[in-house]
C-alpha cells in the first residue's frame, strides 16, 4: 500500500485571516478593553442607582400619557393607484372600503394620510 502524502502545513484560521486582511490593507482591530465598573454603593450602603431610577421612569411615563390617537377610514379603493399609495394603505393597516383603524397621531402617520388623502378620511382625532 502506498502511504498518503501529508497535506501541506495547516495554518491557524486567525493567522490566515490576518494575512488576508493585511494584504487587502484592512486596519487591524484592537481587542476591546474591559470597562471599569463603578461602585454601585455609596459609603453609607445605599445604592447610587436608586436615585436615578425614579427620574428615568418619570420621563418615560410622560410621553405615554400625552399620546394621541387618530381614527382613519378608507373610503375609496386602492386598486388603480400607484404602488407607493398601495404601500401607504398597507402601512396604515387599511384593507378594504369602510375599514377603520386607530393609529398614533405622529408625523409619520400624518405623512401617510397626506399621500393617500383622496382614498381615506380622518374620522376622529
PDB file of N, CA and C in Angstrom:
ATOM      1  N   UNK A   1       0.840  -1.175   0.000  1.00  0.00           N
ATOM      2  CA  UNK A   1       0.000   0.000   0.000  1.00  0.00           C
ATOM      3  C   UNK A   1       0.881   1.232   0.000  1.00  0.00           C
ATOM      4  N   UNK A   2       0.405   2.204  -0.694  1.00  0.00           N
ATOM      5  CA  UNK A   2       1.168   3.440  -0.757  1.00  0.00           C
ATOM      6  C   UNK A   2       0.764   4.337   0.400  1.00  0.00           C
ATOM      7  N   UNK A   3       1.757   5.011   0.934  1.00  0.00           N
ATOM      8  CA  UNK A   3       1.464   5.923   2.040  1.00  0.00           C
ATOM      9  C   UNK A   3       0.852   7.200   1.494  1.00  0.00           C
ATOM     10  N   UNK A   4      -0.072   7.748   2.242  1.00  0.00           N
ATOM     11  CA  UNK A   4      -0.694   9.017   1.846  1.00  0.00           C
ATOM     12  C   UNK A   4       0.286  10.130   2.104  1.00  0.00           C
ATOM     13  N   UNK A   5       0.320  11.071   1.161  1.00  0.00           N
ATOM     14  CA  UNK A   5       1.198  12.219   1.354  1.00  0.00           C
ATOM     15  C   UNK A   5       0.592  13.123   2.413  1.00  0.00           C
ATOM     16  N   UNK A   6       1.449  13.700   3.193  1.00  0.00           N
ATOM     17  CA  UNK A   6       0.970  14.611   4.228  1.00  0.00           C
ATOM     18  C   UNK A   6       0.479  15.878   3.570  1.00  0.00           C
ATOM     19  N   UNK A   7      -0.653  16.380   4.042  1.00  0.00           N
ATOM     20  CA  UNK A   7      -1.196  17.620   3.491  1.00  0.00           C
ATOM     21  C   UNK A   7      -0.261  18.769   3.836  1.00  0.00           C
ATOM     22  N   UNK A   8      -0.298  19.844   3.039  1.00  0.00           N
ATOM     23  CA  UNK A   8       0.559  20.981   3.349  1.00  0.00           C
ATOM     24  C   UNK A   8       0.292  21.458   4.779  1.00  0.00           C
ATOM     25  N   UNK A   9       1.265  22.132   5.314  1.00  0.00           N
ATOM     26  CA  UNK A   9       1.177  22.588   6.695  1.00  0.00           C
ATOM     27  C   UNK A   9      -0.069  23.442   6.886  1.00  0.00           C
ATOM     28  N   UNK A  10      -0.926  23.038   7.795  1.00  0.00           N
ATOM     29  CA  UNK A  10      -2.163  23.772   8.042  1.00  0.00           C
ATOM     30  C   UNK A  10      -1.874  24.976   8.911  1.00  0.00           C
ATOM     31  N   UNK A  11      -2.453  26.113   8.502  1.00  0.00           N
ATOM     32  CA  UNK A  11      -2.277  27.334   9.277  1.00  0.00           C
ATOM     33  C   UNK A  11      -3.514  27.563  10.134  1.00  0.00           C
ATOM     34  N   UNK A  12      -3.321  28.290  11.161  1.00  0.00           N
ATOM     35  CA  UNK A  12      -4.410  28.661  12.041  1.00  0.00           C
ATOM     36  C   UNK A  12      -5.354  29.596  11.278  1.00  0.00           C
ATOM     37  N   UNK A  13      -6.631  29.492  11.498  1.00  0.00           N
ATOM     38  CA  UNK A  13      -7.613  30.315  10.805  1.00  0.00           C
ATOM     39  C   UNK A  13      -7.377  31.792  11.087  1.00  0.00           C
ATOM     40  N   UNK A  14      -7.065  32.129  12.312  1.00  0.00           N
ATOM     41  CA  UNK A  14      -6.801  33.529  12.649  1.00  0.00           C
ATOM     42  C   UNK A  14      -5.586  34.058  11.898  1.00  0.00           C
ATOM     43  N   UNK A  15      -4.580  33.218  11.749  1.00  0.00           N
ATOM     44  CA  UNK A  15      -3.393  33.641  11.021  1.00  0.00           C
ATOM     45  C   UNK A  15      -3.725  33.896   9.553  1.00  0.00           C
ATOM     46  N   UNK A  16      -4.569  33.036   8.976  1.00  0.00           N
ATOM     47  CA  UNK A  16      -4.983  33.230   7.583  1.00  0.00           C
ATOM     48  C   UNK A  16      -5.777  34.525   7.418  1.00  0.00           C
ATOM     49  N   UNK A  17      -6.685  34.766   8.337  1.00  0.00           N
ATOM     50  CA  UNK A  17      -7.485  35.990   8.257  1.00  0.00           C
ATOM     51  C   UNK A  17      -6.612  37.228   8.397  1.00  0.00           C
ATOM     52  N   UNK A  18      -5.643  37.166   9.273  1.00  0.00           N
ATOM     53  CA  UNK A  18      -4.725  38.291   9.458  1.00  0.00           C
ATOM     54  C   UNK A  18      -3.912  38.520   8.195  1.00  0.00           C
ATOM     55  N   UNK A  19      -3.481  37.433   7.583  1.00  0.00           N
ATOM     56  CA  UNK A  19      -2.689  37.534   6.359  1.00  0.00           C
ATOM     57  C   UNK A  19      -3.504  38.145   5.217  1.00  0.00           C
ATOM     58  N   UNK A  20      -4.732  37.692   5.059  1.00  0.00           N
ATOM     59  CA  UNK A  20      -5.594  38.211   4.002  1.00  0.00           C
ATOM     60  C   UNK A  20      -5.937  39.671   4.262  1.00  0.00           C
ATOM     61  N   UNK A  21      -6.221  40.018   5.511  1.00  0.00           N
ATOM     62  CA  UNK A  21      -6.577  41.392   5.845  1.00  0.00           C
ATOM     63  C   UNK A  21      -5.404  42.328   5.614  1.00  0.00           C
ATOM     64  N   UNK A  22      -4.195  41.879   5.948  1.00  0.00           N
ATOM     65  CA  UNK A  22      -3.036  42.745   5.738  1.00  0.00           C
ATOM     66  C   UNK A  22      -2.757  42.924   4.253  1.00  0.00           C
ATOM     67  N   UNK A  23      -3.013  41.894   3.448  1.00  0.00           N
ATOM     68  CA  UNK A  23      -2.814  42.007   2.004  1.00  0.00           C
ATOM     69  C   UNK A  23      -3.837  42.956   1.390  1.00  0.00           C
ATOM     70  N   UNK A  24      -5.044  42.987   1.956  1.00  0.00           N
ATOM     71  CA  UNK A  24      -6.100  43.858   1.437  1.00  0.00           C
ATOM     72  C   UNK A  24      -5.978  45.275   1.973  1.00  0.00           C
ATOM     73  N   UNK A  25      -5.150  45.490   2.966  1.00  0.00           N
ATOM     74  CA  UNK A  25      -4.959  46.827   3.519  1.00  0.00           C
ATOM     75  C   UNK A  25      -5.976  47.208   4.569  1.00  0.00           C
ATOM     76  N   UNK A  26      -6.632  46.235   5.152  1.00  0.00           N
ATOM     77  CA  UNK A  26      -7.622  46.492   6.195  1.00  0.00           C
ATOM     78  C   UNK A  26      -6.887  46.740   7.506  1.00  0.00           C
ATOM     79  N   UNK A  27      -7.247  47.828   8.234  1.00  0.00           N
ATOM     80  CA  UNK A  27      -6.564  48.080   9.502  1.00  0.00           C
ATOM     81  C   UNK A  27      -6.871  46.987  10.518  1.00  0.00           C
ATOM     82  N   UNK A  28      -5.903  46.744  11.366  1.00  0.00           N
ATOM     83  CA  UNK A  28      -6.034  45.705  12.366  1.00  0.00           C
ATOM     84  C   UNK A  28      -6.944  46.162  13.500  1.00  0.00           C
ATOM     85  N   UNK A  29      -7.855  45.290  13.910  1.00  0.00           N
ATOM     86  CA  UNK A  29      -8.766  45.617  15.007  1.00  0.00           C
ATOM     87  C   UNK A  29      -8.065  45.364  16.326  1.00  0.00           C
ATOM     88  N   UNK A  30      -8.274  46.282  17.251  1.00  0.00           N
ATOM     89  CA  UNK A  30      -7.682  46.101  18.575  1.00  0.00           C
ATOM     90  C   UNK A  30      -8.676  45.384  19.474  1.00  0.00           C
ATOM     91  N   UNK A  31      -8.169  44.668  20.402  1.00  0.00           N
ATOM     92  CA  UNK A  31      -9.024  43.942  21.334  1.00  0.00           C
ATOM     93  C   UNK A  31      -9.720  44.934  22.257  1.00  0.00           C
ATOM     94  N   UNK A  32     -10.949  44.623  22.584  1.00  0.00           N
ATOM     95  CA  UNK A  32     -11.708  45.502  23.477  1.00  0.00           C
ATOM     96  C   UNK A  32     -11.167  45.388  24.893  1.00  0.00           C
ATOM     97  N   UNK A  33     -11.030  46.536  25.510  1.00  0.00           N
ATOM     98  CA  UNK A  33     -10.590  46.560  26.890  1.00  0.00           C
ATOM     99  C   UNK A  33     -11.810  46.451  27.789  1.00  0.00           C
ATOM    100  N   UNK A  34     -11.727  45.681  28.844  1.00  0.00           N
ATOM    101  CA  UNK A  34     -12.874  45.592  29.754  1.00  0.00           C
ATOM    102  C   UNK A  34     -13.091  46.938  30.442  1.00  0.00           C
ATOM    103  N   UNK A  35     -14.345  47.342  30.464  1.00  0.00           N
ATOM    104  CA  UNK A  35     -14.680  48.624  31.087  1.00  0.00           C
ATOM    105  C   UNK A  35     -14.654  48.481  32.608  1.00  0.00           C
ATOM    106  N   UNK A  36     -14.191  49.515  33.237  1.00  0.00           N
ATOM    107  CA  UNK A  36     -14.180  49.510  34.697  1.00  0.00           C
ATOM    108  C   UNK A  36     -15.581  49.807  35.197  1.00  0.00           C
ATOM    109  N   UNK A  37     -16.010  49.039  36.140  1.00  0.00           N
ATOM    110  CA  UNK A  37     -17.330  49.272  36.718  1.00  0.00           C
ATOM    111  C   UNK A  37     -17.179  50.124  37.953  1.00  0.00           C
ATOM    112  N   UNK A  38     -18.079  51.080  38.069  1.00  0.00           N
ATOM    113  CA  UNK A  38     -18.055  51.951  39.238  1.00  0.00           C
ATOM    114  C   UNK A  38     -18.755  51.259  40.393  1.00  0.00           C
ATOM    115  N   UNK A  39     -18.423  51.694  41.554  1.00  0.00           N
ATOM    116  CA  UNK A  39     -19.085  51.127  42.723  1.00  0.00           C
ATOM    117  C   UNK A  39     -20.544  51.529  42.700  1.00  0.00           C
ATOM    118  N   UNK A  40     -21.404  50.574  42.965  1.00  0.00           N
ATOM    119  CA  UNK A  40     -22.830  50.856  42.965  1.00  0.00           C
ATOM    120  C   UNK A  40     -23.339  51.277  44.332  1.00  0.00           C
ATOM    121  N   UNK A  41     -22.517  51.146  45.325  1.00  0.00           N
ATOM    122  CA  UNK A  41     -22.966  51.507  46.665  1.00  0.00           C
ATOM    123  C   UNK A  41     -22.202  52.719  47.183  1.00  0.00           C
ATOM    124  N   UNK A  42     -22.907  53.562  47.859  1.00  0.00           N
ATOM    125  CA  UNK A  42     -22.306  54.723  48.497  1.00  0.00           C
ATOM    126  C   UNK A  42     -21.668  54.265  49.814  1.00  0.00           C
ATOM    127  N   UNK A  43     -20.838  55.108  50.417  1.00  0.00           N
ATOM    128  CA  UNK A  43     -20.234  54.719  51.700  1.00  0.00           C
ATOM    129  C   UNK A  43     -21.266  54.362  52.762  1.00  0.00           C
ATOM    130  N   UNK A  44     -22.441  54.944  52.700  1.00  0.00           N
ATOM    131  CA  UNK A  44     -23.448  54.644  53.710  1.00  0.00           C
ATOM    132  C   UNK A  44     -24.131  53.309  53.457  1.00  0.00           C
ATOM    133  N   UNK A  45     -23.895  52.709  52.266  1.00  0.00           N
ATOM    134  CA  UNK A  45     -24.504  51.422  51.967  1.00  0.00           C
ATOM    135  C   UNK A  45     -25.708  51.545  51.045  1.00  0.00           C
ATOM    136  N   UNK A  46     -26.157  52.761  50.760  1.00  0.00           N
ATOM    137  CA  UNK A  46     -27.301  52.942  49.871  1.00  0.00           C
ATOM    138  C   UNK A  46     -26.807  52.960  48.431  1.00  0.00           C
ATOM    139  N   UNK A  47     -27.455  52.271  47.514  1.00  0.00           N
ATOM    140  CA  UNK A  47     -27.016  52.259  46.121  1.00  0.00           C
ATOM    141  C   UNK A  47     -27.246  53.610  45.455  1.00  0.00           C
ATOM    142  N   UNK A  48     -26.292  54.000  44.586  1.00  0.00           N
ATOM    143  CA  UNK A  48     -26.412  55.273  43.876  1.00  0.00           C
ATOM    144  C   UNK A  48     -27.452  55.200  42.771  1.00  0.00           C
ATOM    145  N   UNK A  49     -27.625  54.039  42.170  1.00  0.00           N
ATOM    146  CA  UNK A  49     -28.518  53.889  41.025  1.00  0.00           C
ATOM    147  C   UNK A  49     -29.979  54.133  41.387  1.00  0.00           C
ATOM    148  N   UNK A  50     -30.365  53.933  42.639  1.00  0.00           N
ATOM    149  CA  UNK A  50     -31.761  54.080  43.021  1.00  0.00           C
ATOM    150  C   UNK A  50     -32.232  55.526  42.911  1.00  0.00           C
ATOM    151  N   UNK A  51     -31.335  56.481  43.064  1.00  0.00           N
ATOM    152  CA  UNK A  51     -31.725  57.879  42.953  1.00  0.00           C
ATOM    153  C   UNK A  51     -32.027  58.249  41.506  1.00  0.00           C
ATOM    154  N   UNK A  52     -31.341  57.628  40.546  1.00  0.00           N
ATOM    155  CA  UNK A  52     -31.549  57.942  39.137  1.00  0.00           C
ATOM    156  C   UNK A  52     -32.746  57.201  38.562  1.00  0.00           C
ATOM    157  N   UNK A  53     -33.136  56.077  39.127  1.00  0.00           N
ATOM    158  CA  UNK A  53     -34.215  55.267  38.587  1.00  0.00           C
ATOM    159  C   UNK A  53     -35.560  55.995  38.565  1.00  0.00           C
ATOM    160  N   UNK A  54     -35.988  56.696  39.635  1.00  0.00           N
ATOM    161  CA  UNK A  54     -37.273  57.383  39.560  1.00  0.00           C
ATOM    162  C   UNK A  54     -37.295  58.484  38.508  1.00  0.00           C
ATOM    163  N   UNK A  55     -36.175  59.130  38.275  1.00  0.00           N
ATOM    164  CA  UNK A  55     -36.146  60.208  37.281  1.00  0.00           C
ATOM    165  C   UNK A  55     -36.358  59.657  35.882  1.00  0.00           C
ATOM    166  N   UNK A  56     -35.787  58.499  35.562  1.00  0.00           N
ATOM    167  CA  UNK A  56     -35.952  57.930  34.229  1.00  0.00           C
ATOM    168  C   UNK A  56     -37.358  57.385  34.045  1.00  0.00           C
ATOM    169  N   UNK A  57     -37.957  56.818  35.080  1.00  0.00           N
ATOM    170  CA  UNK A  57     -39.306  56.293  34.933  1.00  0.00           C
ATOM    171  C   UNK A  57     -40.319  57.426  34.792  1.00  0.00           C
ATOM    172  N   UNK A  58     -40.066  58.568  35.404  1.00  0.00           N
ATOM    173  CA  UNK A  58     -40.965  59.709  35.262  1.00  0.00           C
ATOM    174  C   UNK A  58     -40.909  60.260  33.842  1.00  0.00           C
ATOM    175  N   UNK A  59     -39.721  60.255  33.240  1.00  0.00           N
ATOM    176  CA  UNK A  59     -39.590  60.722  31.857  1.00  0.00           C
ATOM    177  C   UNK A  59     -40.300  59.779  30.905  1.00  0.00           C
ATOM    178  N   UNK A  60     -40.224  58.485  31.150  1.00  0.00           N
ATOM    179  CA  UNK A  60     -40.842  57.505  30.268  1.00  0.00           C
ATOM    180  C   UNK A  60     -42.363  57.545  30.389  1.00  0.00           C
ATOM    181  N   UNK A  61     -42.890  57.871  31.552  1.00  0.00           N
ATOM    182  CA  UNK A  61     -44.328  57.877  31.759  1.00  0.00           C
ATOM    183  C   UNK A  61     -44.996  59.092  31.121  1.00  0.00           C
ATOM    184  N   UNK A  62     -44.300  60.208  31.009  1.00  0.00           N
ATOM    185  CA  UNK A  62     -44.895  61.421  30.483  1.00  0.00           C
ATOM    186  C   UNK A  62     -45.316  61.302  29.013  1.00  0.00           C
ATOM    187  N   UNK A  63     -44.493  60.787  28.083  1.00  0.00           N
ATOM    188  CA  UNK A  63     -44.928  60.692  26.699  1.00  0.00           C
ATOM    189  C   UNK A  63     -46.078  59.716  26.495  1.00  0.00           C
ATOM    190  N   UNK A  64     -46.173  58.687  27.325  1.00  0.00           N
ATOM    191  CA  UNK A  64     -47.245  57.714  27.176  1.00  0.00           C
ATOM    192  C   UNK A  64     -48.590  58.361  27.455  1.00  0.00           C
ATOM    193  N   UNK A  65     -48.649  59.237  28.436  1.00  0.00           N
ATOM    194  CA  UNK A  65     -49.903  59.884  28.799  1.00  0.00           C
ATOM    195  C   UNK A  65     -50.354  60.878  27.726  1.00  0.00           C
ATOM    196  N   UNK A  66     -49.409  61.510  27.013  1.00  0.00           N
ATOM    197  CA  UNK A  66     -49.744  62.519  26.023  1.00  0.00           C
ATOM    198  C   UNK A  66     -49.985  61.943  24.627  1.00  0.00           C
ATOM    199  N   UNK A  67     -49.920  60.638  24.468  1.00  0.00           N
ATOM    200  CA  UNK A  67     -50.041  60.018  23.160  1.00  0.00           C
ATOM    201  C   UNK A  67     -51.466  60.153  22.628  1.00  0.00           C
ATOM    202  N   UNK A  68     -51.611  60.823  21.487  1.00  0.00           N
ATOM    203  CA  UNK A  68     -52.918  60.999  20.876  1.00  0.00           C
ATOM    204  C   UNK A  68     -53.140  59.904  19.840  1.00  0.00           C
ATOM    205  N   UNK A  69     -54.375  59.536  19.676  1.00  0.00           N
ATOM    206  CA  UNK A  69     -54.738  58.527  18.694  1.00  0.00           C
ATOM    207  C   UNK A  69     -55.620  59.162  17.624  1.00  0.00           C
ATOM    208  N   UNK A  70     -55.592  58.565  16.435  1.00  0.00           N
ATOM    209  CA  UNK A  70     -56.362  59.084  15.316  1.00  0.00           C
ATOM    210  C   UNK A  70     -57.065  57.908  14.636  1.00  0.00           C
ATOM    211  N   UNK A  71     -58.323  58.094  14.276  1.00  0.00           N
ATOM    212  CA  UNK A  71     -59.109  57.044  13.613  1.00  0.00           C
ATOM    213  C   UNK A  71     -59.201  57.370  12.127  1.00  0.00           C
ATOM    214  N   UNK A  72     -58.817  56.398  11.285  1.00  0.00           N
ATOM    215  CA  UNK A  72     -58.756  56.595   9.842  1.00  0.00           C
ATOM    216  C   UNK A  72     -59.677  55.582   9.177  1.00  0.00           C
ATOM    217  N   UNK A  73     -60.438  56.033   8.189  1.00  0.00           N
ATOM    218  CA  UNK A  73     -61.356  55.156   7.448  1.00  0.00           C
ATOM    219  C   UNK A  73     -61.020  55.223   5.966  1.00  0.00           C
ATOM    220  N   UNK A  74     -60.956  54.052   5.324  1.00  0.00           N
ATOM    221  CA  UNK A  74     -60.736  54.008   3.880  1.00  0.00           C
ATOM    222  C   UNK A  74     -62.079  54.214   3.198  1.00  0.00           C
ATOM    223  N   UNK A  75     -62.136  55.169   2.258  1.00  0.00           N
ATOM    224  CA  UNK A  75     -63.401  55.469   1.588  1.00  0.00           C
ATOM    225  C   UNK A  75     -63.388  55.116   0.100  1.00  0.00           C
ATOM    226  N   UNK A  76     -62.205  54.922  -0.470  1.00  0.00           N
ATOM    227  CA  UNK A  76     -62.107  54.558  -1.877  1.00  0.00           C
ATOM    228  C   UNK A  76     -61.138  53.398  -2.046  1.00  0.00           C
ATOM    229  N   UNK A  77     -61.252  52.701  -3.154  1.00  0.00           N
ATOM    230  CA  UNK A  77     -60.410  51.549  -3.433  1.00  0.00           C
ATOM    231  C   UNK A  77     -59.001  51.979  -3.817  1.00  0.00           C
ATOM    232  N   UNK A  78     -58.047  51.132  -3.524  1.00  0.00           N
ATOM    233  CA  UNK A  78     -56.667  51.397  -3.882  1.00  0.00           C
ATOM    234  C   UNK A  78     -56.212  50.570  -5.072  1.00  0.00           C
ATOM    235  N   UNK A  79     -57.158  50.005  -5.827  1.00  0.00           N
ATOM    236  CA  UNK A  79     -56.805  49.096  -6.918  1.00  0.00           C
ATOM    237  C   UNK A  79     -55.995  49.790  -8.014  1.00  0.00           C
ATOM    238  N   UNK A  80     -56.441  50.908  -8.535  1.00  0.00           N
ATOM    239  CA  UNK A  80     -55.770  51.559  -9.659  1.00  0.00           C
ATOM    240  C   UNK A  80     -54.855  52.693  -9.207  1.00  0.00           C
ATOM    241  N   UNK A  81     -54.269  52.537  -8.050  1.00  0.00           N
ATOM    242  CA  UNK A  81     -53.387  53.579  -7.535  1.00  0.00           C
ATOM    243  C   UNK A  81     -51.940  53.156  -7.721  1.00  0.00           C
ATOM    244  N   UNK A  82     -51.010  54.106  -7.712  1.00  0.00           N
ATOM    245  CA  UNK A  82     -49.590  53.749  -7.807  1.00  0.00           C
ATOM    246  C   UNK A  82     -49.135  52.893  -6.618  1.00  0.00           C
ATOM    247  N   UNK A  83     -48.013  52.225  -6.809  1.00  0.00           N
ATOM    248  CA  UNK A  83     -47.507  51.294  -5.801  1.00  0.00           C
ATOM    249  C   UNK A  83     -47.250  51.984  -4.469  1.00  0.00           C
ATOM    250  N   UNK A  84     -46.718  53.205  -4.490  1.00  0.00           N
ATOM    251  CA  UNK A  84     -46.421  53.880  -3.226  1.00  0.00           C
ATOM    252  C   UNK A  84     -47.683  54.172  -2.435  1.00  0.00           C
ATOM    253  N   UNK A  85     -48.786  54.444  -3.113  1.00  0.00           N
ATOM    254  CA  UNK A  85     -50.043  54.682  -2.409  1.00  0.00           C
ATOM    255  C   UNK A  85     -50.610  53.374  -1.851  1.00  0.00           C
ATOM    256  N   UNK A  86     -50.427  52.284  -2.582  1.00  0.00           N
ATOM    257  CA  UNK A  86     -50.861  50.984  -2.068  1.00  0.00           C
ATOM    258  C   UNK A  86     -50.058  50.616  -0.827  1.00  0.00           C
ATOM    259  N   UNK A  87     -48.769  50.937  -0.842  1.00  0.00           N
ATOM    260  CA  UNK A  87     -47.931  50.656   0.320  1.00  0.00           C
ATOM    261  C   UNK A  87     -48.335  51.512   1.514  1.00  0.00           C
ATOM    262  N   UNK A  88     -48.761  52.745   1.254  1.00  0.00           N
ATOM    263  CA  UNK A  88     -49.217  53.604   2.348  1.00  0.00           C
ATOM    264  C   UNK A  88     -50.494  53.041   2.967  1.00  0.00           C
ATOM    265  N   UNK A  89     -51.415  52.536   2.130  1.00  0.00           N
ATOM    266  CA  UNK A  89     -52.631  51.899   2.646  1.00  0.00           C
ATOM    267  C   UNK A  89     -52.272  50.690   3.507  1.00  0.00           C
ATOM    268  N   UNK A  90     -51.371  49.878   3.000  1.00  0.00           N
ATOM    269  CA  UNK A  90     -50.966  48.679   3.738  1.00  0.00           C
ATOM    270  C   UNK A  90     -50.243  49.051   5.025  1.00  0.00           C
ATOM    271  N   UNK A  91     -49.412  50.094   4.978  1.00  0.00           N
ATOM    272  CA  UNK A  91     -48.691  50.536   6.161  1.00  0.00           C
ATOM    273  C   UNK A  91     -49.614  51.037   7.256  1.00  0.00           C
ATOM    274  N   UNK A  92     -50.708  51.650   6.852  1.00  0.00           N
ATOM    275  CA  UNK A  92     -51.694  52.104   7.839  1.00  0.00           C
ATOM    276  C   UNK A  92     -52.565  50.959   8.334  1.00  0.00           C
ATOM    277  N   UNK A  93     -52.557  49.839   7.606  1.00  0.00           N
ATOM    278  CA  UNK A  93     -53.356  48.692   8.016  1.00  0.00           C
ATOM    279  C   UNK A  93     -54.742  48.685   7.418  1.00  0.00           C
ATOM    280  N   UNK A  94     -54.976  49.509   6.405  1.00  0.00           N
ATOM    281  CA  UNK A  94     -56.288  49.558   5.770  1.00  0.00           C
ATOM    282  C   UNK A  94     -56.360  48.485   4.691  1.00  0.00           C
ATOM    283  N   UNK A  95     -57.500  47.755   4.660  1.00  0.00           N
ATOM    284  CA  UNK A  95     -57.608  46.621   3.743  1.00  0.00           C
ATOM    285  C   UNK A  95     -58.741  46.744   2.741  1.00  0.00           C
ATOM    286  N   UNK A  96     -59.794  47.418   3.106  1.00  0.00           N
ATOM    287  CA  UNK A  96     -60.959  47.483   2.212  1.00  0.00           C
ATOM    288  C   UNK A  96     -61.729  48.766   2.485  1.00  0.00           C
ATOM    289  N   UNK A  97     -62.692  49.052   1.649  1.00  0.00           N
ATOM    290  CA  UNK A  97     -63.503  50.245   1.809  1.00  0.00           C
ATOM    291  C   UNK A  97     -64.332  50.115   3.091  1.00  0.00           C
ATOM    292  N   UNK A  98     -64.452  51.219   3.826  1.00  0.00           N
ATOM    293  CA  UNK A  98     -65.147  51.336   5.107  1.00  0.00           C
ATOM    294  C   UNK A  98     -64.421  50.620   6.240  1.00  0.00           C
ATOM    295  N   UNK A  99     -63.170  50.262   6.042  1.00  0.00           N
ATOM    296  CA  UNK A  99     -62.368  49.665   7.108  1.00  0.00           C
ATOM    297  C   UNK A  99     -61.747  50.795   7.914  1.00  0.00           C
ATOM    298  N   UNK A 100     -61.881  50.748   9.230  1.00  0.00           N
ATOM    299  CA  UNK A 100     -61.342  51.780  10.115  1.00  0.00           C
ATOM    300  C   UNK A 100     -60.221  51.214  10.971  1.00  0.00           C
ATOM    301  N   UNK A 101     -59.197  52.032  11.173  1.00  0.00           N
ATOM    302  CA  UNK A 101     -58.089  51.669  12.051  1.00  0.00           C
ATOM    303  C   UNK A 101     -57.804  52.835  12.974  1.00  0.00           C
ATOM    304  N   UNK A 102     -57.213  52.535  14.124  1.00  0.00           N
ATOM    305  CA  UNK A 102     -56.805  53.558  15.079  1.00  0.00           C
ATOM    306  C   UNK A 102     -55.290  53.524  15.149  1.00  0.00           C
ATOM    307  N   UNK A 103     -54.664  54.643  14.878  1.00  0.00           N
ATOM    308  CA  UNK A 103     -53.201  54.753  14.874  1.00  0.00           C
ATOM    309  C   UNK A 103     -52.778  55.924  15.739  1.00  0.00           C
ATOM    310  N   UNK A 104     -51.517  55.906  16.160  1.00  0.00           N
ATOM    311  CA  UNK A 104     -50.953  57.014  16.924  1.00  0.00           C
ATOM    312  C   UNK A 104     -50.834  58.229  16.014  1.00  0.00           C
ATOM    313  N   UNK A 105     -51.152  59.394  16.549  1.00  0.00           N
ATOM    314  CA  UNK A 105     -51.088  60.632  15.765  1.00  0.00           C
ATOM    315  C   UNK A 105     -49.656  61.134  15.762  1.00  0.00           C
ATOM    316  N   UNK A 106     -48.856  60.632  14.814  1.00  0.00           N
ATOM    317  CA  UNK A 106     -47.456  61.002  14.687  1.00  0.00           C
ATOM    318  C   UNK A 106     -47.233  61.643  13.320  1.00  0.00           C
ATOM    319  N   UNK A 107     -46.122  62.329  13.130  1.00  0.00           N
ATOM    320  CA  UNK A 107     -45.819  62.899  11.816  1.00  0.00           C
ATOM    321  C   UNK A 107     -45.735  61.842  10.713  1.00  0.00           C
ATOM    322  N   UNK A 108     -45.271  60.646  11.051  1.00  0.00           N
ATOM    323  CA  UNK A 108     -45.190  59.575  10.050  1.00  0.00           C
ATOM    324  C   UNK A 108     -46.583  59.163   9.586  1.00  0.00           C
ATOM    325  N   UNK A 109     -47.496  59.010  10.541  1.00  0.00           N
ATOM    326  CA  UNK A 109     -48.866  58.643  10.192  1.00  0.00           C
ATOM    327  C   UNK A 109     -49.532  59.754   9.391  1.00  0.00           C
ATOM    328  N   UNK A 110     -49.314  60.993   9.797  1.00  0.00           N
ATOM    329  CA  UNK A 110     -49.883  62.127   9.055  1.00  0.00           C
ATOM    330  C   UNK A 110     -49.345  62.182   7.629  1.00  0.00           C
ATOM    331  N   UNK A 111     -48.077  61.821   7.438  1.00  0.00           N
ATOM    332  CA  UNK A 111     -47.495  61.804   6.100  1.00  0.00           C
ATOM    333  C   UNK A 111     -48.114  60.741   5.224  1.00  0.00           C
ATOM    334  N   UNK A 112     -48.399  59.574   5.799  1.00  0.00           N
ATOM    335  CA  UNK A 112     -49.062  58.517   5.038  1.00  0.00           C
ATOM    336  C   UNK A 112     -50.473  58.939   4.664  1.00  0.00           C
ATOM    337  N   UNK A 113     -51.174  59.578   5.589  1.00  0.00           N
ATOM    338  CA  UNK A 113     -52.534  60.049   5.299  1.00  0.00           C
ATOM    339  C   UNK A 113     -52.495  61.099   4.203  1.00  0.00           C
ATOM    340  N   UNK A 114     -51.522  61.992   4.238  1.00  0.00           N
ATOM    341  CA  UNK A 114     -51.402  63.030   3.223  1.00  0.00           C
ATOM    342  C   UNK A 114     -51.175  62.421   1.843  1.00  0.00           C
ATOM    343  N   UNK A 115     -50.411  61.353   1.770  1.00  0.00           N
ATOM    344  CA  UNK A 115     -50.116  60.700   0.497  1.00  0.00           C
ATOM    345  C   UNK A 115     -51.374  60.089  -0.121  1.00  0.00           C
ATOM    346  N   UNK A 116     -52.268  59.584   0.708  1.00  0.00           N
ATOM    347  CA  UNK A 116     -53.469  58.919   0.194  1.00  0.00           C
ATOM    348  C   UNK A 116     -54.729  59.644   0.653  1.00  0.00           C
ATOM    349  N   UNK A 117     -54.659  60.959   0.728  1.00  0.00           N
ATOM    350  CA  UNK A 117     -55.780  61.744   1.261  1.00  0.00           C
ATOM    351  C   UNK A 117     -57.057  61.599   0.425  1.00  0.00           C
ATOM    352  N   UNK A 118     -56.933  61.209  -0.849  1.00  0.00           N
ATOM    353  CA  UNK A 118     -58.103  61.032  -1.694  1.00  0.00           C
ATOM    354  C   UNK A 118     -58.751  59.658  -1.489  1.00  0.00           C
ATOM    355  N   UNK A 119     -58.082  58.760  -0.764  1.00  0.00           N
ATOM    356  CA  UNK A 119     -58.605  57.416  -0.520  1.00  0.00           C
ATOM    357  C   UNK A 119     -59.138  57.215   0.898  1.00  0.00           C
ATOM    358  N   UNK A 120     -58.731  58.109   1.810  1.00  0.00           N
ATOM    359  CA  UNK A 120     -59.108  57.932   3.214  1.00  0.00           C
ATOM    360  C   UNK A 120     -59.716  59.216   3.763  1.00  0.00           C
ATOM    361  N   UNK A 121     -60.324  59.059   4.949  1.00  0.00           N
ATOM    362  CA  UNK A 121     -60.798  60.228   5.686  1.00  0.00           C
ATOM    363  C   UNK A 121     -60.475  60.015   7.158  1.00  0.00           C
ATOM    364  N   UNK A 122     -60.205  61.111   7.842  1.00  0.00           N
ATOM    365  CA  UNK A 122     -59.932  61.056   9.265  1.00  0.00           C
ATOM    366  C   UNK A 122     -61.265  61.174   9.985  1.00  0.00           C
ATOM    367  N   UNK A 123     -61.659  60.107  10.678  1.00  0.00           N
ATOM    368  CA  UNK A 123     -62.947  60.072  11.345  1.00  0.00           C
ATOM    369  C   UNK A 123     -62.873  60.756  12.691  1.00  0.00           C
ATOM    370  N   UNK A 124     -61.881  60.445  13.473  1.00  0.00           N
ATOM    371  CA  UNK A 124     -61.776  61.023  14.808  1.00  0.00           C
ATOM    372  C   UNK A 124     -60.333  61.278  15.171  1.00  0.00           C
ATOM    373  N   UNK A 125     -60.133  62.363  15.909  1.00  0.00           N
ATOM    374  CA  UNK A 125     -58.778  62.703  16.357  1.00  0.00           C
ATOM    375  C   UNK A 125     -58.712  62.637  17.857  1.00  0.00           C
TER     376      UNK A 125
END
